[in-house]
Every structure is written in structure tokens, then in C-alpha cells.
Amino acid sequence: MRKLSLLGVVVTTALLGAGVGPANAADNCASCHEKENVGLYKQWKHSKHGQNDVGCIDCHQADKKDVDAFEHHGATIATLVTPKDCAKCHEAEAEQAMNSYHAHAGEILDSADAYLAHVAGGQPVAITGCETCHGGKVKIDNNEPNKLSKKTWPNSGIGRINPDGSKGSCNACHSRHSFSAEQARQPENCGKCHLGPDHPQKEIYEESKHGIAYYANKDKMNMDKDKWVVGEDYYEAPTCATCHISATKNQKITHDVGDRISWTLRPPISKHKDSWEAKRGNMKDVCLNCHQQQFVDGHYYQYDALVELYNEKFAKPATEIMNMVKKKGLMERKAAFANTIEWEYWELWHHEGRRARMGAAMMGPDYTWWHGIYDVAHNFYFKFIPEARHYNDPEINAYIDNMLKNDPMHKWIDTPTADLKAAIRSGELQKTYEKLFGKGK
């Protein structure tokens, strides 16, 4: 751990040699920052840290051996405050956060997401786009030893890879220098990263009944209270924090955002997470504060069916076709994403498919259908399949022909409209999908 002292313990030797002890070290920092960075100073002063005499040195003090340590007015400090530093006082929270999916978001650096940003865009967009949310690897400036490289700092990405080896950034949610729990409880706080064409959770939440209730009752949510238990301290609506990390009567606060998620919707084909039954139980415990058991079970019954619909009807056959194209070496250009079919497949699962699945998870009907499965179907039937056929490969064409002619979910495309409408009215068409309900249990 980088820091040398807990709050109230002696700070650096340099400070003591200068006659500056722990009682007035914070005052010494504040007296300058109050003039030079008035907004920063006020954020800190009115924060829980400022009100409890947690000063600049308590968070920024560093060991002289740290790669990012430098001398600053008689003190050895580091610009970057990492989860290891926060763990001095918030040990459990830091450990949960560093073990969470959030903390691993910086691993996008080795994924197709970052690849596409680098090759189709360029390094500046990978830095200011991908890494700003996911987190980049913070490096030291070669020309200015111990100072952070301008290419990698500033960065408050949730999965930031820090010079001390830790992963994550507490201030991604608890913005410096106020580090407000009240702010972190608000759905807008998550909207920096959880929005847009591939993961529009913010937009889905806003159109859902949960979001509607929140915006109508925001001033009744008691978000500034230390204790914030759903059903006890507020009940008007849930926020992102309510469902994913905040306390219930039966669960403590967790900073591992995956503790209540049962499906992983990121890959082309949805999968259950490890220990998904327990994680679903954790989320249902949240739901039951405002909904009855039948309501909660019904939601998951419908949600699971949508995920299975996406998997079975679109994701699995599209992935099978894509694998055949790759295995046969049919793509004209060798670079990934240099061929149309790769873009169509990518958008089918990475954008459209995610929107549909997330829309169903969060009760956002427009994102489930119009921004979701509607776009998935249009891409699958009229972009992806035609692009696969253009290779004129007998095996691929035979696979597609068999799917469209013999799979009950796809036969509609060569059936007369009148027959389809009659099948809908009679309920026969709906029976095609009965196998999907209850499959996710």
C-alpha cells in the first residue's frame, strides 16, 4: 500500500522537518488551493472528507519509491489516488470494487472494441472515447520523471490500470473532490458510460416505470442521508444504485456491481453468470421491497424468454454462419472489420442485440422492440444473410436455406401474409415460441 499514514498519524518526514504536523498539514495545502483552485477547494471543504478533517495529504501522500511520487512544497505526494489508497479507510469497499467487473473494464485494451477504435478511428479517439469510460493504463511521462503522461492522464475510467498495480477508479462514481455518496446514488451518475447505441441503460431507465417514478419524486428520495435502505429510507422509486449495489433490509451495500446480475449480455450469445441463481436471488430481494413475488417471477419469466429468443433465433445461427465464413477464409480483406459482413455481425449482437436484451432486463419496451429486436431482425434477414450469400459458398447457402425453410421461427419469411395473420389470430404462430419460456430458469 502506497500511503504511509492513516488519518491522524504523522505525515512525511519532509513535512515534519519543516515544522508542519498532521494537524496543520491540511490547512497548509488548503490555504494555497483555496486561492488557486477555488472550485476544487470548496468541493473538498463541503464534502464528508472536509467536514471530518480528512485533508489533501491523507489521500495524496506517497512513498518516495513510488513511480509517480514527486516533491511538492516539502511533501512527497502523487497526483493519482487509487483504490489502494482509498482502502486505507474504506477497505471492504475498495476490495469489492477491485474484484468487480467494473475494475476489469480496462481490459478492453485487448478487445475488439479498442481494436476498432484504433484502426477505423485512431489513437486520439481510443484515448478520449474508449479509455475515458473503460479506463486506460496510466503511464509515467518519459520527459518528466514521476509525472503522469498527458496521453494517459486525466483518466477516471472505471477499470483504470494504475501505476501501483491496482485496477479501478473510485472517483469514476464518487467524483473528486466531493466524493459524494448522494451523487453516486443518482442514475445520471451512471450515464457517463451506460448510454448510447450498444448499452443504453440510462435511456432505458428513463423510459421505464422506474425512471418515470424517480423523476417525479426525486426530491423525496433522501439521497443525502448516511443510511439509505430501500423500503425504509425511501420507497418512491429505485435508481441504478438501488438495484445493483445499495442496501436492502437483507443485504449490505456492495461495490461489486455483478453481485445481482444473472445474465451476461455482453457476448454475441448471452450466458448465465457464475452462481447466477444466487445473484438472481440477490436482485429479487431488491425487487420484493416494492413488488410481490408473482410480479417479480413474472418479470424474469418474460425477460428470460426474450434472451432465449435472441440467442436461438438470431445469435446462434448468425454466429454459426460467421464461423463458417472465417473458417473457409472467404473474406476478401484480411484485416478484421475490413469486410461488410463483420460490421453487420458486430452491430447485430454488439449494438442491436444488446439493446433488446437490456431493454427487457430493465422494462424498457421501446428498446426491447423498436431499438432492439426490430433492428436485429432487419439486420439479420436483409443485411447479414445477403452478405453471407454473396460468397456463393454451397455449405453456407445450404445452412441458410435449411434455416429459412424448416426452422419454425424463420419460415414466416416465405409464407403468405394472410396465412401468417391467421396463425397469429389462432395462436398457432405463438406456439412456435413456447419452448423459450421457462428455459432461462
Protein backbone atom coordinates (compact mmCIF):
# COMPACT_ATOMS: atom_id res chain seq x y z
CA MET A 1 0.00 0.00 0.00
CA ARG A 2 1.42 3.32 -1.09
CA LYS A 3 0.31 5.60 1.70
CA LEU A 4 2.47 5.92 4.77
CA SER A 5 -0.09 7.00 7.32
CA LEU A 6 -3.69 6.76 8.37
CA LEU A 7 -5.65 9.87 9.24
CA GLY A 8 -4.13 11.48 12.29
CA VAL A 9 -0.79 9.66 12.06
CA VAL A 10 2.44 11.53 11.33
CA VAL A 11 2.79 12.54 7.68
CA THR A 12 6.04 12.77 5.74
CA THR A 13 9.49 13.44 7.19
CA ALA A 14 9.78 16.43 4.94
CA LEU A 15 6.70 17.98 6.43
CA LEU A 16 7.83 17.34 9.98
CA GLY A 17 11.27 18.75 9.22
CA ALA A 18 9.57 21.89 8.03
CA GLY A 19 7.60 22.07 11.26
CA VAL A 20 4.34 21.04 9.60
CA GLY A 21 2.48 18.41 11.60
CA PRO A 22 -0.65 16.45 10.80
CA ALA A 23 -2.95 19.00 12.42
CA ASN A 24 -1.97 21.82 10.10
CA ALA A 25 -0.79 19.88 7.02
CA ALA A 26 -4.27 20.00 5.53
CA ASP A 27 -4.51 23.70 6.33
CA ASN A 28 -1.15 24.25 4.59
CA CYS A 29 -2.45 22.59 1.39
CA ALA A 30 -5.85 24.22 1.62
CA SER A 31 -4.51 27.74 2.03
CA CYS A 32 -2.95 27.54 -1.43
CA HIS A 33 -5.65 25.55 -3.21
CA GLU A 34 -8.32 27.87 -1.82
CA LYS A 35 -6.76 30.63 -3.91
CA GLU A 36 -5.56 28.68 -6.94
CA ASN A 37 -8.38 26.11 -7.34
CA VAL A 38 -11.39 27.59 -5.62
CA GLY A 39 -13.89 25.10 -7.02
CA LEU A 40 -11.74 22.14 -6.05
CA TYR A 41 -11.24 23.58 -2.59
CA LYS A 42 -14.95 24.12 -2.00
CA GLN A 43 -15.80 20.65 -3.23
CA TRP A 44 -13.42 19.22 -0.66
CA LYS A 45 -14.37 21.61 2.14
CA HIS A 46 -18.07 20.79 1.96
CA SER A 47 -17.51 17.06 1.48
CA LYS A 48 -17.62 14.42 4.21
CA HIS A 49 -13.84 14.34 3.97
CA GLY A 50 -13.51 18.06 4.59
CA GLN A 51 -16.06 18.00 7.40
CA ASN A 52 -14.13 15.21 9.11
CA ASP A 53 -10.65 16.69 8.72
CA VAL A 54 -9.52 14.29 6.01
CA GLY A 55 -7.10 16.54 4.15
CA CYS A 56 -5.14 16.51 0.91
CA ILE A 57 -2.15 14.74 2.44
CA ASP A 58 -4.27 11.88 3.77
CA CYS A 59 -5.16 10.85 0.22
CA HIS A 60 -2.27 12.15 -1.90
CA GLN A 61 0.75 11.36 0.30
CA ALA A 62 3.20 8.96 -1.35
CA ASP A 63 6.33 6.99 -0.65
CA LYS A 64 9.46 8.38 -2.33
CA LYS A 65 9.95 4.99 -4.01
CA ASP A 66 6.60 5.18 -5.82
CA VAL A 67 6.98 5.63 -9.57
CA ASP A 68 4.56 8.55 -9.59
CA ALA A 69 5.80 10.29 -6.41
CA PHE A 70 7.17 13.82 -6.58
CA GLU A 71 8.10 16.61 -4.20
CA HIS A 72 5.54 19.35 -3.77
CA HIS A 73 6.16 22.20 -1.32
CA GLY A 74 8.03 19.98 1.10
CA ALA A 75 5.73 16.98 0.83
CA THR A 76 6.09 13.75 -1.16
CA ILE A 77 2.81 13.27 -3.00
CA ALA A 78 1.24 11.61 -6.03
CA THR A 79 -1.40 13.10 -8.27
CA LEU A 80 -3.26 9.83 -8.67
CA VAL A 81 -5.39 8.47 -5.82
CA THR A 82 -6.01 4.77 -6.43
CA PRO A 83 -8.29 2.16 -4.84
CA LYS A 84 -5.30 1.01 -2.79
CA ASP A 85 -5.13 4.49 -1.30
CA CYS A 86 -8.86 4.60 -0.60
CA ALA A 87 -8.56 1.20 1.09
CA LYS A 88 -6.77 2.85 4.00
CA CYS A 89 -10.15 3.87 5.33
CA HIS A 90 -12.57 2.05 3.02
CA GLU A 91 -11.04 -1.41 2.99
CA ALA A 92 -14.15 -3.50 2.31
CA GLU A 93 -15.49 -1.14 -0.36
CA ALA A 94 -12.13 -1.00 -2.16
CA GLU A 95 -11.75 -4.77 -2.12
CA GLN A 96 -15.25 -5.29 -3.53
CA ALA A 97 -14.66 -2.69 -6.24
CA MET A 98 -11.26 -4.10 -7.25
CA ASN A 99 -12.78 -7.59 -7.58
CA SER A 100 -15.76 -6.38 -9.60
CA TYR A 101 -16.44 -6.42 -13.33
CA HIS A 102 -16.04 -2.66 -13.28
CA ALA A 103 -12.41 -2.94 -12.23
CA HIS A 104 -11.67 -5.22 -15.20
CA ALA A 105 -13.19 -2.84 -17.74
CA GLY A 106 -9.71 -1.58 -18.64
CA GLU A 107 -9.04 -4.94 -20.23
CA ILE A 108 -10.92 -3.53 -23.23
CA LEU A 109 -7.44 -2.51 -24.35
CA ASP A 110 -7.01 -6.06 -25.65
CA SER A 111 -10.52 -6.44 -27.09
CA ALA A 112 -12.10 -5.90 -30.49
CA ASP A 113 -13.72 -2.73 -29.14
CA ALA A 114 -10.38 -0.98 -28.73
CA TYR A 115 -9.04 -2.53 -31.93
CA LEU A 116 -11.83 -0.94 -33.96
CA ALA A 117 -11.33 2.46 -32.35
CA HIS A 118 -7.60 2.34 -33.14
CA VAL A 119 -7.83 1.16 -36.76
CA ALA A 120 -11.08 2.69 -38.02
CA GLY A 121 -10.58 5.80 -35.91
CA GLY A 122 -7.17 6.42 -34.40
CA GLN A 123 -5.34 6.72 -31.09
CA PRO A 124 -6.90 10.05 -30.00
CA VAL A 125 -10.41 8.57 -30.11
CA ALA A 126 -9.29 5.42 -28.29
CA ILE A 127 -7.94 7.66 -25.51
CA THR A 128 -10.78 10.16 -25.27
CA GLY A 129 -13.52 7.66 -26.12
CA CYS A 130 -12.91 4.06 -25.04
CA GLU A 131 -10.39 4.64 -22.27
CA THR A 132 -12.29 7.51 -20.67
CA CYS A 133 -15.07 5.10 -19.69
CA HIS A 134 -13.31 1.75 -19.54
CA GLY A 135 -10.05 3.09 -18.13
CA GLY A 136 -6.60 3.15 -19.68
CA LYS A 137 -3.17 2.23 -18.37
CA VAL A 138 -1.78 5.31 -16.61
CA LYS A 139 1.87 5.77 -17.55
CA ILE A 140 4.71 7.98 -16.39
CA ASP A 141 5.94 10.76 -18.67
CA ASN A 142 9.35 9.87 -20.12
CA ASN A 143 10.30 13.52 -20.35
CA GLU A 144 9.12 14.46 -16.88
CA PRO A 145 10.01 11.66 -14.43
CA ASN A 146 7.40 10.80 -11.80
CA LYS A 147 4.74 12.91 -13.52
CA LEU A 148 1.83 11.29 -15.32
CA SER A 149 1.86 11.13 -19.10
CA LYS A 150 -0.55 13.55 -20.75
CA LYS A 151 -1.70 10.74 -23.04
CA THR A 152 -2.98 8.74 -20.10
CA TRP A 153 -3.94 11.46 -17.61
CA PRO A 154 -6.55 12.70 -16.92
CA ASN A 155 -8.48 9.44 -16.82
CA SER A 156 -11.26 8.41 -14.47
CA GLY A 157 -12.24 5.24 -16.31
CA ILE A 158 -13.87 2.65 -14.09
CA GLY A 159 -11.26 0.00 -14.93
CA ARG A 160 -8.22 2.26 -14.94
CA ILE A 161 -4.90 0.40 -14.59
CA ASN A 162 -2.89 2.35 -12.04
CA PRO A 163 0.90 2.64 -11.59
CA ASP A 164 0.69 0.86 -8.22
CA GLY A 165 -0.80 -2.23 -9.88
CA SER A 166 -4.36 -1.66 -8.71
CA LYS A 167 -7.31 -1.64 -11.08
CA GLY A 168 -10.23 0.73 -10.95
CA SER A 169 -11.09 4.29 -10.08
CA CYS A 170 -13.28 5.15 -7.10
CA ASN A 171 -13.81 8.67 -8.42
CA ALA A 172 -15.48 7.29 -11.55
CA CYS A 173 -18.61 7.12 -9.38
CA HIS A 174 -17.62 9.30 -6.41
CA SER A 175 -16.38 12.34 -8.31
CA ARG A 176 -13.36 14.10 -6.89
CA HIS A 177 -13.09 16.11 -4.70
CA SER A 178 -16.55 15.88 -3.20
CA PHE A 179 -16.68 12.04 -3.28
CA SER A 180 -20.42 12.29 -2.77
CA ALA A 181 -22.49 9.22 -1.97
CA GLU A 182 -25.55 11.28 -2.83
CA GLN A 183 -24.27 11.84 -6.35
CA ALA A 184 -23.33 8.17 -6.78
CA ARG A 185 -26.90 7.16 -5.90
CA GLN A 186 -28.37 9.13 -8.81
CA PRO A 187 -28.94 7.42 -12.18
CA GLU A 188 -27.43 10.39 -14.01
CA ASN A 189 -24.12 9.46 -12.39
CA CYS A 190 -24.02 6.18 -14.31
CA GLY A 191 -24.97 7.90 -17.56
CA LYS A 192 -21.42 8.93 -18.42
CA CYS A 193 -20.74 5.40 -19.66
CA HIS A 194 -24.00 3.44 -19.62
CA LEU A 195 -25.70 5.04 -22.63
CA GLY A 196 -25.51 5.05 -26.38
CA PRO A 197 -26.03 2.53 -29.20
CA ASP A 198 -24.53 -0.53 -27.54
CA HIS A 199 -25.52 -0.22 -23.87
CA PRO A 200 -28.24 2.43 -23.42
CA GLN A 201 -29.09 1.67 -19.81
CA LYS A 202 -29.58 5.35 -18.99
CA GLU A 203 -32.10 5.81 -21.80
CA ILE A 204 -33.86 2.53 -20.98
CA TYR A 205 -34.15 3.53 -17.33
CA GLU A 206 -35.59 6.92 -18.25
CA GLU A 207 -38.38 5.37 -20.34
CA SER A 208 -39.17 2.66 -17.77
CA LYS A 209 -41.71 2.99 -14.99
CA HIS A 210 -38.78 3.08 -12.57
CA GLY A 211 -37.29 6.13 -14.25
CA ILE A 212 -40.64 7.87 -14.57
CA ALA A 213 -41.27 7.40 -10.85
CA TYR A 214 -37.78 8.61 -9.96
CA TYR A 215 -38.01 11.88 -11.90
CA ALA A 216 -41.45 12.56 -10.46
CA ASN A 217 -40.26 12.01 -6.88
CA LYS A 218 -36.57 12.88 -6.96
CA ASP A 219 -36.87 15.34 -4.09
CA LYS A 220 -38.34 12.64 -1.83
CA MET A 221 -35.52 10.12 -2.21
CA ASN A 222 -33.41 11.18 0.84
CA MET A 223 -30.22 10.65 -1.15
CA ASP A 224 -28.20 12.84 1.19
CA LYS A 225 -28.77 10.55 4.19
CA ASP A 226 -25.99 8.33 5.54
CA LYS A 227 -28.37 5.39 5.90
CA TRP A 228 -30.12 4.61 2.61
CA VAL A 229 -32.09 1.37 2.73
CA VAL A 230 -34.80 0.78 0.15
CA GLY A 231 -38.23 0.40 1.72
CA GLU A 232 -37.08 2.12 4.90
CA ASP A 233 -35.40 5.40 3.96
CA TYR A 234 -37.05 5.78 0.56
CA TYR A 235 -39.67 3.92 -1.43
CA GLU A 236 -40.82 6.14 -4.31
CA ALA A 237 -38.51 4.62 -6.93
CA PRO A 238 -35.29 2.68 -7.42
CA THR A 239 -32.16 4.11 -9.02
CA CYS A 240 -29.30 2.19 -10.64
CA ALA A 241 -27.59 2.10 -7.25
CA THR A 242 -30.72 0.74 -5.54
CA CYS A 243 -30.86 -2.33 -7.74
CA HIS A 244 -27.17 -3.03 -8.21
CA ILE A 245 -25.25 -2.02 -5.10
CA SER A 246 -27.27 -0.33 -2.34
CA ALA A 247 -28.55 -1.86 0.87
CA THR A 248 -31.82 -3.66 1.47
CA LYS A 249 -33.25 -4.98 4.72
CA ASN A 250 -31.47 -8.27 3.96
CA GLN A 251 -28.34 -7.17 2.09
CA LYS A 252 -25.49 -4.83 2.89
CA ILE A 253 -24.11 -2.33 0.41
CA THR A 254 -21.81 -3.93 -2.15
CA HIS A 255 -19.37 -2.26 -4.51
CA ASP A 256 -19.30 -5.32 -6.75
CA VAL A 257 -21.85 -4.43 -9.42
CA GLY A 258 -22.08 -8.05 -10.57
CA ASP A 259 -23.45 -9.44 -7.31
CA ARG A 260 -27.06 -9.15 -8.52
CA ILE A 261 -26.75 -9.85 -12.26
CA SER A 262 -27.71 -13.31 -13.50
CA TRP A 263 -27.18 -12.98 -17.27
CA THR A 264 -24.10 -11.64 -19.02
CA LEU A 265 -25.41 -9.81 -22.08
CA ARG A 266 -22.07 -8.58 -23.41
CA PRO A 267 -21.07 -11.52 -25.68
CA PRO A 268 -22.70 -12.44 -29.00
CA ILE A 269 -24.61 -15.25 -27.30
CA SER A 270 -25.97 -14.50 -23.82
CA LYS A 271 -24.71 -16.67 -20.98
CA HIS A 272 -25.62 -17.19 -17.36
CA LYS A 273 -23.02 -15.77 -15.00
CA ASP A 274 -21.27 -17.92 -12.40
CA SER A 275 -23.51 -18.56 -9.39
CA TRP A 276 -26.32 -16.92 -11.34
CA GLU A 277 -29.11 -18.40 -9.22
CA ALA A 278 -27.71 -16.77 -6.08
CA LYS A 279 -27.17 -13.48 -7.90
CA ARG A 280 -30.72 -13.54 -9.20
CA GLY A 281 -31.91 -14.15 -5.66
CA ASN A 282 -29.99 -11.06 -4.57
CA MET A 283 -31.74 -8.95 -7.21
CA LYS A 284 -35.15 -10.41 -6.44
CA ASP A 285 -34.62 -9.39 -2.83
CA VAL A 286 -34.35 -5.79 -4.06
CA CYS A 287 -37.46 -6.12 -6.24
CA LEU A 288 -39.56 -7.56 -3.41
CA ASN A 289 -39.34 -4.32 -1.48
CA CYS A 290 -41.81 -2.78 -3.94
CA HIS A 291 -43.29 -5.76 -5.84
CA GLN A 292 -44.96 -9.01 -4.87
CA GLN A 293 -43.40 -12.38 -5.62
CA GLN A 294 -45.69 -13.16 -8.57
CA PHE A 295 -44.79 -9.85 -10.22
CA VAL A 296 -41.06 -10.46 -9.79
CA ASP A 297 -41.21 -14.06 -11.03
CA GLY A 298 -43.31 -12.95 -14.00
CA HIS A 299 -40.76 -10.32 -14.96
CA TYR A 300 -37.93 -12.82 -15.01
CA TYR A 301 -40.07 -15.33 -16.91
CA GLN A 302 -40.61 -12.77 -19.67
CA TYR A 303 -37.04 -11.45 -19.59
CA ASP A 304 -35.52 -14.93 -19.85
CA ALA A 305 -37.76 -15.72 -22.82
CA LEU A 306 -36.58 -12.61 -24.67
CA VAL A 307 -32.94 -13.50 -24.04
CA GLU A 308 -33.54 -17.05 -25.28
CA LEU A 309 -35.40 -15.68 -28.33
CA TYR A 310 -32.41 -13.53 -29.22
CA ASN A 311 -29.99 -16.43 -28.61
CA GLU A 312 -31.86 -19.14 -30.51
CA LYS A 313 -33.41 -17.20 -33.38
CA PHE A 314 -30.62 -14.78 -34.23
CA ALA A 315 -27.37 -15.03 -32.28
CA LYS A 316 -26.62 -18.74 -32.66
CA PRO A 317 -27.33 -19.02 -36.41
CA ALA A 318 -25.53 -15.73 -37.16
CA THR A 319 -22.52 -16.88 -35.16
CA GLU A 320 -22.54 -20.26 -36.93
CA ILE A 321 -22.61 -18.55 -40.34
CA MET A 322 -19.86 -16.14 -39.30
CA ASN A 323 -17.68 -19.01 -38.09
CA MET A 324 -18.10 -20.79 -41.44
CA VAL A 325 -17.12 -17.65 -43.34
CA LYS A 326 -13.97 -17.28 -41.22
CA LYS A 327 -13.02 -20.95 -41.29
CA LYS A 328 -13.29 -21.05 -45.07
CA GLY A 329 -11.22 -17.88 -45.44
CA LEU A 330 -13.84 -16.28 -47.66
CA MET A 331 -13.44 -12.65 -46.65
CA GLU A 332 -11.72 -10.56 -49.28
CA ARG A 333 -9.70 -8.35 -46.94
CA LYS A 334 -7.50 -9.82 -44.21
CA ALA A 335 -7.85 -7.11 -41.58
CA ALA A 336 -10.65 -7.56 -39.07
CA PHE A 337 -13.55 -5.16 -39.73
CA ALA A 338 -12.37 -4.57 -43.27
CA ASN A 339 -15.33 -6.56 -44.63
CA THR A 340 -19.01 -5.64 -44.65
CA ILE A 341 -20.18 -8.90 -43.08
CA GLU A 342 -18.05 -8.25 -39.99
CA TRP A 343 -19.76 -4.89 -39.42
CA GLU A 344 -23.22 -6.37 -39.88
CA TYR A 345 -22.49 -9.20 -37.45
CA TRP A 346 -20.90 -6.81 -34.94
CA GLU A 347 -23.85 -4.42 -34.95
CA LEU A 348 -26.31 -7.31 -34.75
CA TRP A 349 -25.02 -8.53 -31.38
CA HIS A 350 -22.93 -5.66 -30.03
CA HIS A 351 -25.47 -2.92 -30.68
CA GLU A 352 -28.93 -4.15 -31.63
CA GLY A 353 -28.88 -7.40 -29.69
CA ARG A 354 -27.65 -5.75 -26.52
CA ARG A 355 -30.30 -3.05 -26.73
CA ALA A 356 -33.04 -5.67 -26.97
CA ARG A 357 -31.76 -7.75 -24.08
CA MET A 358 -31.07 -4.79 -21.83
CA GLY A 359 -34.43 -3.28 -22.70
CA ALA A 360 -36.18 -6.43 -21.49
CA ALA A 361 -33.99 -6.61 -18.37
CA MET A 362 -34.90 -3.05 -17.33
CA MET A 363 -38.51 -2.96 -18.57
CA GLY A 364 -37.90 -0.55 -21.45
CA PRO A 365 -40.36 -1.66 -24.17
CA ASP A 366 -39.17 0.69 -26.90
CA TYR A 367 -35.59 -0.56 -26.55
CA THR A 368 -36.74 -4.17 -26.41
CA TRP A 369 -38.58 -3.89 -29.74
CA TRP A 370 -38.04 -0.80 -31.93
CA HIS A 371 -34.42 -0.16 -30.91
CA GLY A 372 -33.86 -3.87 -30.28
CA ILE A 373 -35.34 -6.95 -31.93
CA TYR A 374 -36.78 -4.86 -34.80
CA ASP A 375 -33.24 -3.76 -35.70
CA VAL A 376 -31.86 -7.24 -35.05
CA ALA A 377 -34.38 -8.80 -37.45
CA HIS A 378 -33.83 -6.17 -40.15
CA ASN A 379 -30.07 -6.64 -39.98
CA PHE A 380 -30.26 -10.45 -39.82
CA TYR A 381 -32.65 -11.02 -42.74
CA PHE A 382 -31.80 -8.12 -45.05
CA LYS A 383 -28.14 -7.28 -44.39
CA PHE A 384 -26.25 -10.12 -42.73
CA ILE A 385 -27.75 -13.09 -44.63
CA PRO A 386 -27.48 -11.42 -48.06
CA GLU A 387 -23.89 -10.54 -47.29
CA ALA A 388 -23.18 -14.17 -46.33
CA ARG A 389 -24.81 -15.39 -49.54
CA HIS A 390 -22.64 -13.19 -51.72
CA TYR A 391 -19.74 -15.57 -51.10
CA ASN A 392 -21.77 -18.18 -53.03
CA ASP A 393 -20.47 -20.99 -50.86
CA PRO A 394 -22.60 -24.19 -51.16
CA GLU A 395 -22.34 -25.12 -47.48
CA ILE A 396 -23.27 -21.66 -46.23
CA ASN A 397 -26.16 -21.37 -48.69
CA ALA A 398 -27.43 -24.82 -47.69
CA TYR A 399 -27.34 -23.83 -43.99
CA ILE A 400 -29.29 -20.63 -44.68
CA ASP A 401 -31.82 -22.40 -46.94
CA ASN A 402 -32.50 -25.07 -44.35
CA MET A 403 -32.94 -22.45 -41.60
CA LEU A 404 -35.39 -20.31 -43.60
CA LYS A 405 -37.45 -23.23 -44.91
CA ASN A 406 -37.50 -25.62 -41.96
CA ASP A 407 -37.00 -23.68 -38.73
CA PRO A 408 -40.47 -22.63 -37.47
CA MET A 409 -39.06 -19.32 -36.22
CA HIS A 410 -37.83 -18.36 -39.71
CA LYS A 411 -40.41 -19.94 -42.04
CA TRP A 412 -42.53 -16.77 -41.87
CA ILE A 413 -40.37 -15.07 -44.48
CA ASP A 414 -41.67 -17.36 -47.29
CA THR A 415 -45.27 -17.66 -46.02
CA PRO A 416 -48.18 -15.60 -47.41
CA THR A 417 -49.17 -12.67 -45.21
CA ALA A 418 -52.79 -13.81 -44.92
CA ASP A 419 -51.67 -17.17 -43.58
CA LEU A 420 -49.39 -15.53 -41.04
CA LYS A 421 -52.13 -13.21 -39.77
CA ALA A 422 -54.49 -16.17 -39.44
CA ALA A 423 -51.82 -18.06 -37.49
CA ILE A 424 -51.39 -15.08 -35.16
CA ARG A 425 -55.17 -14.80 -34.57
CA SER A 426 -55.49 -18.51 -33.86
CA GLY A 427 -52.46 -18.60 -31.58
CA GLU A 428 -50.65 -21.17 -33.72
CA LEU A 429 -47.71 -18.90 -34.51
CA GLN A 430 -47.22 -18.09 -30.83
CA LYS A 431 -46.83 -21.81 -30.04
CA THR A 432 -43.57 -21.73 -32.00
CA TYR A 433 -42.02 -19.80 -29.14
CA GLU A 434 -43.46 -21.67 -26.16
CA LYS A 435 -40.22 -23.61 -25.77
CA LEU A 436 -38.39 -20.36 -24.95
CA PHE A 437 -40.48 -19.58 -21.85
CA GLY A 438 -39.07 -21.03 -18.68
CA LYS A 439 -35.86 -22.10 -20.44
CA GLY A 440 -33.80 -19.48 -18.65
CA LYS A 441 -34.50 -20.92 -15.21
